[in-house]
Amino acid sequence: MTDLLLIGVIVFAVIIVGAFGGWTIGQCLPMHHLTDETKGVVTVSMGVVATISALVLGLLISNANTSFIERRNEVTRLSADIIRLDHMLRRYGPDAASIRDTLRQYTERKAADLFPENPGDLRIDNDSTYDLLFQVEGMLLALQAANPRQQWLIGQAMTLAANIGNTRWLLVQQEGQGVPKAFLALVTFWLTLLFARFGLIAPRNLTSAVALVLCALAVSGALEMILEFEEPFTRVVRISAQPLRNAAREVSEEDPAGDAGYGAK
């Protein structure tokens, strides 16, 4: 059982305990505690908690979805920069063949780091992979342009290599920036209060019990989904590896006829 699934199960258990705790208390309370006036006060009070909970859950889902989309876009941008850099090197000519080979190694390793077959092998910050990008930049600096066209291609290639490095650091810095556990516990407490109120005034029959269980499952599932969005490389809801794999396939291709030596004309 993964850590996130365990958190979801714990949240569900706490909420359902609150619901049936309210159910049990409702059976034990004297009738004068269950008058319409008392139920009205409880309903209005819990309405405030329900409003706050709905707003916070909406905010959490929005933030988690935004973070997921940003990381997906960063992976897509990384892939596009790699393909563009490879095309620049093709146009430069045969002198850039060794740089293309190093770029191919970098791309294959980056794809393996971000999208491993075993989720436990995820390595967003892999120094050995980053060293390959440093090698690419060093080899670009060592190129001797023979004409203005090649000089322009080197400048463009250096910019793209820098963009690739920047995207790598963006992915690294975003790692672990999730919902604070104390905040998650507070939201769970609010939801438990709500379900305790539901159980307190719910009719004592099977339909009510099933409704409480299903609602608790839905709410805990929403919190689980928020946590899933925060780890988009290894969970059920994950970023597609296809853009980076497409980039790896692209840089592995041989120079098409007409590309080689283009910059030397």
C-alpha atoms as a PDB file:
ATOM      1  CA  MET A   1       0.000   0.000   0.000  1.00  0.00           C
ATOM      2  CA  THR A   2       1.525   3.334  -1.087  1.00  0.00           C
ATOM      3  CA  ASP A   3       1.836   6.296   1.250  1.00  0.00           C
ATOM      4  CA  LEU A   4      -0.855   8.279  -0.571  1.00  0.00           C
ATOM      5  CA  LEU A   5      -3.291   5.379  -0.566  1.00  0.00           C
ATOM      6  CA  LEU A   6      -2.656   4.919   3.143  1.00  0.00           C
ATOM      7  CA  ILE A   7      -3.426   8.605   3.746  1.00  0.00           C
ATOM      8  CA  GLY A   8      -6.669   8.233   1.771  1.00  0.00           C
ATOM      9  CA  VAL A   9      -7.681   5.198   3.817  1.00  0.00           C
ATOM     10  CA  ILE A  10      -6.919   7.010   7.081  1.00  0.00           C
ATOM     11  CA  VAL A  11      -8.962  10.049   6.002  1.00  0.00           C
ATOM     12  CA  PHE A  12     -11.870   7.787   5.039  1.00  0.00           C
ATOM     13  CA  ALA A  13     -11.660   5.928   8.356  1.00  0.00           C
ATOM     14  CA  VAL A  14     -11.608   9.140  10.399  1.00  0.00           C
ATOM     15  CA  ILE A  15     -14.567  10.619   8.524  1.00  0.00           C
ATOM     16  CA  ILE A  16     -16.652   7.437   8.757  1.00  0.00           C
ATOM     17  CA  VAL A  17     -15.884   7.136  12.475  1.00  0.00           C
ATOM     18  CA  GLY A  18     -17.149  10.702  12.904  1.00  0.00           C
ATOM     19  CA  ALA A  19     -20.312   9.902  10.916  1.00  0.00           C
ATOM     20  CA  PHE A  20     -21.221   6.801  12.875  1.00  0.00           C
ATOM     21  CA  GLY A  21     -20.060   8.414  16.088  1.00  0.00           C
ATOM     22  CA  GLY A  22     -22.695  11.102  15.490  1.00  0.00           C
ATOM     23  CA  TRP A  23     -25.163   8.340  14.605  1.00  0.00           C
ATOM     24  CA  THR A  24     -24.497   6.615  17.952  1.00  0.00           C
ATOM     25  CA  ILE A  25     -24.641   9.827  19.966  1.00  0.00           C
ATOM     26  CA  GLY A  26     -27.949  10.700  18.320  1.00  0.00           C
ATOM     27  CA  GLN A  27     -29.434   7.457  19.650  1.00  0.00           C
ATOM     28  CA  CYS A  28     -28.247   8.163  23.186  1.00  0.00           C
ATOM     29  CA  LEU A  29     -29.265  11.814  23.502  1.00  0.00           C
ATOM     30  CA  PRO A  30     -32.463  12.743  25.381  1.00  0.00           C
ATOM     31  CA  MET A  31     -35.288  13.939  23.171  1.00  0.00           C
ATOM     32  CA  HIS A  32     -35.034  17.542  24.382  1.00  0.00           C
ATOM     33  CA  HIS A  33     -31.584  17.669  22.728  1.00  0.00           C
ATOM     34  CA  LEU A  34     -33.117  16.724  19.389  1.00  0.00           C
ATOM     35  CA  THR A  35     -35.791  19.380  19.079  1.00  0.00           C
ATOM     36  CA  ASP A  36     -36.288  21.248  15.824  1.00  0.00           C
ATOM     37  CA  GLU A  37     -34.678  24.358  17.332  1.00  0.00           C
ATOM     38  CA  THR A  38     -31.561  22.390  18.325  1.00  0.00           C
ATOM     39  CA  LYS A  39     -31.342  20.756  14.911  1.00  0.00           C
ATOM     40  CA  GLY A  40     -31.649  24.192  13.333  1.00  0.00           C
ATOM     41  CA  VAL A  41     -28.732  25.558  15.366  1.00  0.00           C
ATOM     42  CA  VAL A  42     -26.598  22.540  14.495  1.00  0.00           C
ATOM     43  CA  THR A  43     -27.529  22.813  10.813  1.00  0.00           C
ATOM     44  CA  VAL A  44     -26.687  26.528  10.598  1.00  0.00           C
ATOM     45  CA  SER A  45     -23.395  26.047  12.484  1.00  0.00           C
ATOM     46  CA  MET A  46     -22.326  23.170  10.294  1.00  0.00           C
ATOM     47  CA  GLY A  47     -23.368  25.168   7.222  1.00  0.00           C
ATOM     48  CA  VAL A  48     -20.518  27.575   7.979  1.00  0.00           C
ATOM     49  CA  VAL A  49     -18.074  24.671   8.256  1.00  0.00           C
ATOM     50  CA  ALA A  50     -19.470  23.166   5.044  1.00  0.00           C
ATOM     51  CA  THR A  51     -18.958  26.443   3.170  1.00  0.00           C
ATOM     52  CA  ILE A  52     -15.384  26.793   4.388  1.00  0.00           C
ATOM     53  CA  SER A  53     -14.656  23.148   3.549  1.00  0.00           C
ATOM     54  CA  ALA A  54     -16.087  23.522   0.034  1.00  0.00           C
ATOM     55  CA  LEU A  55     -14.036  26.661  -0.619  1.00  0.00           C
ATOM     56  CA  VAL A  56     -10.824  25.099   0.670  1.00  0.00           C
ATOM     57  CA  LEU A  57     -11.336  21.849  -1.247  1.00  0.00           C
ATOM     58  CA  GLY A  58     -11.997  23.823  -4.418  1.00  0.00           C
ATOM     59  CA  LEU A  59      -8.843  25.857  -3.851  1.00  0.00           C
ATOM     60  CA  LEU A  60      -6.762  22.750  -3.179  1.00  0.00           C
ATOM     61  CA  ILE A  61      -8.040  20.994  -6.296  1.00  0.00           C
ATOM     62  CA  SER A  62      -7.401  24.094  -8.411  1.00  0.00           C
ATOM     63  CA  ASN A  63      -3.852  24.512  -7.082  1.00  0.00           C
ATOM     64  CA  ALA A  64      -3.061  20.817  -7.517  1.00  0.00           C
ATOM     65  CA  ASN A  65      -4.401  20.827 -11.075  1.00  0.00           C
ATOM     66  CA  THR A  66      -2.412  23.968 -11.898  1.00  0.00           C
ATOM     67  CA  SER A  67       0.769  22.383 -10.551  1.00  0.00           C
ATOM     68  CA  PHE A  68       0.101  19.228 -12.578  1.00  0.00           C
ATOM     69  CA  ILE A  69      -0.419  21.218 -15.780  1.00  0.00           C
ATOM     70  CA  GLU A  70       2.737  23.269 -15.166  1.00  0.00           C
ATOM     71  CA  ARG A  71       4.864  20.156 -14.795  1.00  0.00           C
ATOM     72  CA  ARG A  72       3.284  18.593 -17.865  1.00  0.00           C
ATOM     73  CA  ASN A  73       4.074  21.757 -19.833  1.00  0.00           C
ATOM     74  CA  GLU A  74       7.643  21.763 -18.532  1.00  0.00           C
ATOM     75  CA  VAL A  75       8.161  18.206 -19.744  1.00  0.00           C
ATOM     76  CA  THR A  76       6.693  19.146 -23.133  1.00  0.00           C
ATOM     77  CA  ARG A  77       8.910  22.246 -23.310  1.00  0.00           C
ATOM     78  CA  LEU A  78      11.946  20.189 -22.344  1.00  0.00           C
ATOM     79  CA  SER A  79      11.180  17.737 -25.144  1.00  0.00           C
ATOM     80  CA  ALA A  80      10.664  20.523 -27.692  1.00  0.00           C
ATOM     81  CA  ASP A  81      13.955  22.215 -26.739  1.00  0.00           C
ATOM     82  CA  ILE A  82      15.823  18.931 -27.106  1.00  0.00           C
ATOM     83  CA  ILE A  83      14.376  18.336 -30.582  1.00  0.00           C
ATOM     84  CA  ARG A  84      15.116  21.916 -31.628  1.00  0.00           C
ATOM     85  CA  LEU A  85      18.690  21.670 -30.327  1.00  0.00           C
ATOM     86  CA  ASP A  86      19.203  18.432 -32.232  1.00  0.00           C
ATOM     87  CA  HIS A  87      17.989  20.102 -35.440  1.00  0.00           C
ATOM     88  CA  MET A  88      20.425  22.973 -34.920  1.00  0.00           C
ATOM     89  CA  LEU A  89      23.272  20.528 -34.508  1.00  0.00           C
ATOM     90  CA  ARG A  90      22.247  18.665 -37.658  1.00  0.00           C
ATOM     91  CA  ARG A  91      22.341  21.885 -39.599  1.00  0.00           C
ATOM     92  CA  TYR A  92      25.741  22.781 -38.231  1.00  0.00           C
ATOM     93  CA  GLY A  93      27.292  19.801 -39.946  1.00  0.00           C
ATOM     94  CA  PRO A  94      29.516  16.774 -39.244  1.00  0.00           C
ATOM     95  CA  ASP A  95      31.575  18.668 -36.622  1.00  0.00           C
ATOM     96  CA  ALA A  96      28.551  18.530 -34.300  1.00  0.00           C
ATOM     97  CA  ALA A  97      28.036  14.759 -34.623  1.00  0.00           C
ATOM     98  CA  SER A  98      29.695  14.011 -31.267  1.00  0.00           C
ATOM     99  CA  ILE A  99      27.528  16.655 -29.566  1.00  0.00           C
ATOM    100  CA  ARG A 100      24.414  15.020 -31.015  1.00  0.00           C
ATOM    101  CA  ASP A 101      25.566  11.685 -29.630  1.00  0.00           C
ATOM    102  CA  THR A 102      25.979  13.184 -26.131  1.00  0.00           C
ATOM    103  CA  LEU A 103      22.579  14.859 -26.455  1.00  0.00           C
ATOM    104  CA  ARG A 104      21.062  11.500 -27.379  1.00  0.00           C
ATOM    105  CA  GLN A 105      22.552   9.949 -24.230  1.00  0.00           C
ATOM    106  CA  TYR A 106      21.199  12.813 -22.143  1.00  0.00           C
ATOM    107  CA  THR A 107      17.699  12.465 -23.601  1.00  0.00           C
ATOM    108  CA  GLU A 108      17.558   8.711 -23.075  1.00  0.00           C
ATOM    109  CA  ARG A 109      18.741   9.041 -19.477  1.00  0.00           C
ATOM    110  CA  LYS A 110      16.341  11.913 -18.759  1.00  0.00           C
ATOM    111  CA  ALA A 111      13.444   9.843 -20.053  1.00  0.00           C
ATOM    112  CA  ALA A 112      14.539   6.938 -17.842  1.00  0.00           C
ATOM    113  CA  ASP A 113      14.896   9.262 -14.818  1.00  0.00           C
ATOM    114  CA  LEU A 114      11.464  10.869 -15.122  1.00  0.00           C
ATOM    115  CA  PHE A 115       9.506   7.867 -16.420  1.00  0.00           C
ATOM    116  CA  PRO A 116      11.129   4.687 -15.051  1.00  0.00           C
ATOM    117  CA  GLU A 117       9.466   1.299 -15.370  1.00  0.00           C
ATOM    118  CA  ASN A 118       9.669   0.978 -11.585  1.00  0.00           C
ATOM    119  CA  PRO A 119       8.148   4.083  -9.913  1.00  0.00           C
ATOM    120  CA  GLY A 120      10.630   3.699  -7.074  1.00  0.00           C
ATOM    121  CA  ASP A 121      13.460   4.526  -9.511  1.00  0.00           C
ATOM    122  CA  LEU A 122      12.182   8.059 -10.185  1.00  0.00           C
ATOM    123  CA  ARG A 123      15.113  10.511 -10.144  1.00  0.00           C
ATOM    124  CA  ILE A 124      14.167  14.067 -11.000  1.00  0.00           C
ATOM    125  CA  ASP A 125      17.541  15.295  -9.733  1.00  0.00           C
ATOM    126  CA  ASN A 126      20.150  12.963 -11.245  1.00  0.00           C
ATOM    127  CA  ASP A 127      23.621  14.526 -11.240  1.00  0.00           C
ATOM    128  CA  SER A 128      25.061  12.037 -13.726  1.00  0.00           C
ATOM    129  CA  THR A 129      22.345  12.939 -16.247  1.00  0.00           C
ATOM    130  CA  TYR A 130      22.918  16.640 -15.668  1.00  0.00           C
ATOM    131  CA  ASP A 131      26.655  16.132 -16.293  1.00  0.00           C
ATOM    132  CA  LEU A 132      25.811  15.036 -19.826  1.00  0.00           C
ATOM    133  CA  LEU A 133      24.076  18.381 -20.418  1.00  0.00           C
ATOM    134  CA  PHE A 134      27.196  20.145 -19.111  1.00  0.00           C
ATOM    135  CA  GLN A 135      29.221  18.156 -21.622  1.00  0.00           C
ATOM    136  CA  VAL A 136      26.914  19.289 -24.413  1.00  0.00           C
ATOM    137  CA  GLU A 137      27.387  22.922 -23.383  1.00  0.00           C
ATOM    138  CA  GLY A 138      31.159  22.519 -23.140  1.00  0.00           C
ATOM    139  CA  MET A 139      31.344  20.915 -26.578  1.00  0.00           C
ATOM    140  CA  LEU A 140      29.247  23.726 -28.040  1.00  0.00           C
ATOM    141  CA  LEU A 141      31.667  26.278 -26.608  1.00  0.00           C
ATOM    142  CA  ALA A 142      34.560  24.392 -28.198  1.00  0.00           C
ATOM    143  CA  LEU A 143      33.085  24.575 -31.706  1.00  0.00           C
ATOM    144  CA  GLN A 144      34.914  26.862 -34.155  1.00  0.00           C
ATOM    145  CA  ALA A 145      32.440  28.529 -36.494  1.00  0.00           C
ATOM    146  CA  ALA A 146      33.624  28.791 -40.103  1.00  0.00           C
ATOM    147  CA  ASN A 147      31.032  31.385 -41.169  1.00  0.00           C
ATOM    148  CA  PRO A 148      28.265  33.615 -39.765  1.00  0.00           C
ATOM    149  CA  ARG A 149      25.653  30.913 -40.318  1.00  0.00           C
ATOM    150  CA  GLN A 150      27.489  28.459 -38.078  1.00  0.00           C
ATOM    151  CA  GLN A 151      28.081  31.209 -35.511  1.00  0.00           C
ATOM    152  CA  TRP A 152      24.321  31.850 -35.391  1.00  0.00           C
ATOM    153  CA  LEU A 153      23.611  28.127 -35.034  1.00  0.00           C
ATOM    154  CA  ILE A 154      26.035  27.888 -32.096  1.00  0.00           C
ATOM    155  CA  GLY A 155      24.314  30.828 -30.389  1.00  0.00           C
ATOM    156  CA  GLN A 156      20.890  29.283 -30.854  1.00  0.00           C
ATOM    157  CA  ALA A 157      22.150  25.916 -29.631  1.00  0.00           C
ATOM    158  CA  MET A 158      23.640  27.478 -26.468  1.00  0.00           C
ATOM    159  CA  THR A 159      20.326  29.204 -25.728  1.00  0.00           C
ATOM    160  CA  LEU A 160      18.404  25.956 -26.129  1.00  0.00           C
ATOM    161  CA  ALA A 161      20.879  24.060 -23.920  1.00  0.00           C
ATOM    162  CA  ALA A 162      20.459  26.748 -21.242  1.00  0.00           C
ATOM    163  CA  ASN A 163      16.665  26.429 -21.516  1.00  0.00           C
ATOM    164  CA  ILE A 164      16.938  22.664 -21.021  1.00  0.00           C
ATOM    165  CA  GLY A 165      19.009  23.224 -17.875  1.00  0.00           C
ATOM    166  CA  ASN A 166      16.528  25.803 -16.562  1.00  0.00           C
ATOM    167  CA  THR A 167      13.614  23.426 -17.066  1.00  0.00           C
ATOM    168  CA  ARG A 168      15.498  20.724 -15.186  1.00  0.00           C
ATOM    169  CA  TRP A 169      15.882  23.016 -12.192  1.00  0.00           C
ATOM    170  CA  LEU A 170      12.212  24.026 -12.326  1.00  0.00           C
ATOM    171  CA  LEU A 171      11.239  20.356 -12.038  1.00  0.00           C
ATOM    172  CA  VAL A 172      13.690  19.846  -9.169  1.00  0.00           C
ATOM    173  CA  GLN A 173      12.532  22.896  -7.198  1.00  0.00           C
ATOM    174  CA  GLN A 174       8.870  21.926  -7.471  1.00  0.00           C
ATOM    175  CA  GLU A 175       9.486  18.491  -6.001  1.00  0.00           C
ATOM    176  CA  GLY A 176       7.943  18.064  -2.547  1.00  0.00           C
ATOM    177  CA  GLN A 177       5.912  21.294  -2.635  1.00  0.00           C
ATOM    178  CA  GLY A 178       2.602  19.723  -1.704  1.00  0.00           C
ATOM    179  CA  VAL A 179      -0.213  20.341   0.728  1.00  0.00           C
ATOM    180  CA  PRO A 180       1.169  20.664   4.284  1.00  0.00           C
ATOM    181  CA  LYS A 181       0.128  17.669   6.349  1.00  0.00           C
ATOM    182  CA  ALA A 182      -1.141  19.937   9.152  1.00  0.00           C
ATOM    183  CA  PHE A 183      -3.475  21.639   6.685  1.00  0.00           C
ATOM    184  CA  LEU A 184      -4.670  18.272   5.404  1.00  0.00           C
ATOM    185  CA  ALA A 185      -5.398  17.232   8.998  1.00  0.00           C
ATOM    186  CA  LEU A 186      -7.411  20.434   9.555  1.00  0.00           C
ATOM    187  CA  VAL A 187      -9.531  19.823   6.436  1.00  0.00           C
ATOM    188  CA  THR A 188     -10.097  16.255   7.588  1.00  0.00           C
ATOM    189  CA  PHE A 189     -11.253  17.577  10.973  1.00  0.00           C
ATOM    190  CA  TRP A 190     -13.767  19.891   9.282  1.00  0.00           C
ATOM    191  CA  LEU A 191     -15.126  17.060   7.171  1.00  0.00           C
ATOM    192  CA  THR A 192     -15.370  14.811  10.217  1.00  0.00           C
ATOM    193  CA  LEU A 193     -17.468  17.452  11.989  1.00  0.00           C
ATOM    194  CA  LEU A 194     -19.764  17.654   8.975  1.00  0.00           C
ATOM    195  CA  PHE A 195     -20.286  13.910   8.812  1.00  0.00           C
ATOM    196  CA  ALA A 196     -20.811  13.731  12.570  1.00  0.00           C
ATOM    197  CA  ARG A 197     -23.638  16.215  12.106  1.00  0.00           C
ATOM    198  CA  PHE A 198     -25.051  14.115   9.242  1.00  0.00           C
ATOM    199  CA  GLY A 199     -25.001  11.027  11.420  1.00  0.00           C
ATOM    200  CA  LEU A 200     -26.511  12.865  14.367  1.00  0.00           C
ATOM    201  CA  ILE A 201     -29.784  13.655  12.605  1.00  0.00           C
ATOM    202  CA  ALA A 202     -29.853  10.858  10.013  1.00  0.00           C
ATOM    203  CA  PRO A 203     -32.642   8.260  10.179  1.00  0.00           C
ATOM    204  CA  ARG A 204     -31.482   4.908  11.614  1.00  0.00           C
ATOM    205  CA  ASN A 205     -31.798   2.712   8.526  1.00  0.00           C
ATOM    206  CA  LEU A 206     -29.617   0.957   5.971  1.00  0.00           C
ATOM    207  CA  THR A 207     -30.140   3.572   3.253  1.00  0.00           C
ATOM    208  CA  SER A 208     -28.791   6.335   5.494  1.00  0.00           C
ATOM    209  CA  ALA A 209     -25.799   4.206   6.494  1.00  0.00           C
ATOM    210  CA  VAL A 210     -24.927   3.415   2.869  1.00  0.00           C
ATOM    211  CA  ALA A 211     -25.294   7.087   1.898  1.00  0.00           C
ATOM    212  CA  LEU A 212     -22.886   8.144   4.664  1.00  0.00           C
ATOM    213  CA  VAL A 213     -20.317   5.537   3.634  1.00  0.00           C
ATOM    214  CA  LEU A 214     -20.480   6.473  -0.047  1.00  0.00           C
ATOM    215  CA  CYS A 215     -20.242  10.191   0.687  1.00  0.00           C
ATOM    216  CA  ALA A 216     -17.265   9.630   2.991  1.00  0.00           C
ATOM    217  CA  LEU A 217     -15.624   7.558   0.248  1.00  0.00           C
ATOM    218  CA  ALA A 218     -16.206  10.314  -2.308  1.00  0.00           C
ATOM    219  CA  VAL A 219     -14.744  13.038  -0.071  1.00  0.00           C
ATOM    220  CA  SER A 220     -11.676  10.996   0.921  1.00  0.00           C
ATOM    221  CA  GLY A 221     -11.240  10.140  -2.770  1.00  0.00           C
ATOM    222  CA  ALA A 222     -11.152  13.863  -3.585  1.00  0.00           C
ATOM    223  CA  LEU A 223      -8.369  14.424  -1.044  1.00  0.00           C
ATOM    224  CA  GLU A 224      -6.523  11.403  -2.439  1.00  0.00           C
ATOM    225  CA  MET A 225      -6.802  12.862  -5.951  1.00  0.00           C
ATOM    226  CA  ILE A 226      -5.321  16.159  -4.763  1.00  0.00           C
ATOM    227  CA  LEU A 227      -2.304  14.288  -3.404  1.00  0.00           C
ATOM    228  CA  GLU A 228      -2.063  12.290  -6.654  1.00  0.00           C
ATOM    229  CA  PHE A 229      -1.781  15.497  -8.662  1.00  0.00           C
ATOM    230  CA  GLU A 230       1.177  16.561  -6.530  1.00  0.00           C
ATOM    231  CA  GLU A 231       3.264  13.535  -7.572  1.00  0.00           C
ATOM    232  CA  PRO A 232       2.611  13.447 -11.318  1.00  0.00           C
ATOM    233  CA  PHE A 233       5.427  11.138 -12.423  1.00  0.00           C
ATOM    234  CA  THR A 234       4.667   7.941 -10.530  1.00  0.00           C
ATOM    235  CA  ARG A 235       1.002   7.868  -9.493  1.00  0.00           C
ATOM    236  CA  VAL A 236      -2.195   6.723 -11.164  1.00  0.00           C
ATOM    237  CA  VAL A 237      -2.776  10.207 -12.583  1.00  0.00           C
ATOM    238  CA  ARG A 238       0.541  10.903 -14.242  1.00  0.00           C
ATOM    239  CA  ILE A 239       2.191  13.020 -16.893  1.00  0.00           C
ATOM    240  CA  SER A 240       2.502  11.384 -20.298  1.00  0.00           C
ATOM    241  CA  ALA A 241       6.007  10.211 -21.158  1.00  0.00           C
ATOM    242  CA  GLN A 242       5.283  10.401 -24.885  1.00  0.00           C
ATOM    243  CA  PRO A 243       6.784  13.881 -25.569  1.00  0.00           C
ATOM    244  CA  LEU A 244      10.141  12.954 -24.027  1.00  0.00           C
ATOM    245  CA  ARG A 245      10.140   9.552 -25.716  1.00  0.00           C
ATOM    246  CA  ASN A 246       9.408  11.262 -29.017  1.00  0.00           C
ATOM    247  CA  ALA A 247      12.407  13.514 -28.397  1.00  0.00           C
ATOM    248  CA  ALA A 248      14.609  10.490 -27.621  1.00  0.00           C
ATOM    249  CA  ARG A 249      13.495   8.854 -30.865  1.00  0.00           C
ATOM    250  CA  GLU A 250      14.067  12.065 -32.825  1.00  0.00           C
ATOM    251  CA  VAL A 251      17.646  12.597 -31.649  1.00  0.00           C
ATOM    252  CA  SER A 252      18.449   8.936 -32.351  1.00  0.00           C
ATOM    253  CA  GLU A 253      17.627   9.286 -36.043  1.00  0.00           C
ATOM    254  CA  GLU A 254      20.369   9.655 -38.620  1.00  0.00           C
ATOM    255  CA  ASP A 255      20.821  12.949 -40.424  1.00  0.00           C
ATOM    256  CA  PRO A 256      18.278  13.233 -43.242  1.00  0.00           C
ATOM    257  CA  ALA A 257      19.704  13.885 -46.672  1.00  0.00           C
ATOM    258  CA  GLY A 258      20.347  17.577 -47.033  1.00  0.00           C
ATOM    259  CA  ASP A 259      20.781  18.333 -43.330  1.00  0.00           C
ATOM    260  CA  ALA A 260      24.395  17.218 -42.985  1.00  0.00           C
ATOM    261  CA  GLY A 261      26.778  20.001 -43.842  1.00  0.00           C
ATOM    262  CA  TYR A 262      23.974  22.518 -44.239  1.00  0.00           C
ATOM    263  CA  GLY A 263      25.749  25.094 -42.162  1.00  0.00           C
ATOM    264  CA  ALA A 264      29.009  24.666 -44.027  1.00  0.00           C
ATOM    265  CA  LYS A 265      27.639  25.849 -47.387  1.00  0.00           C
END
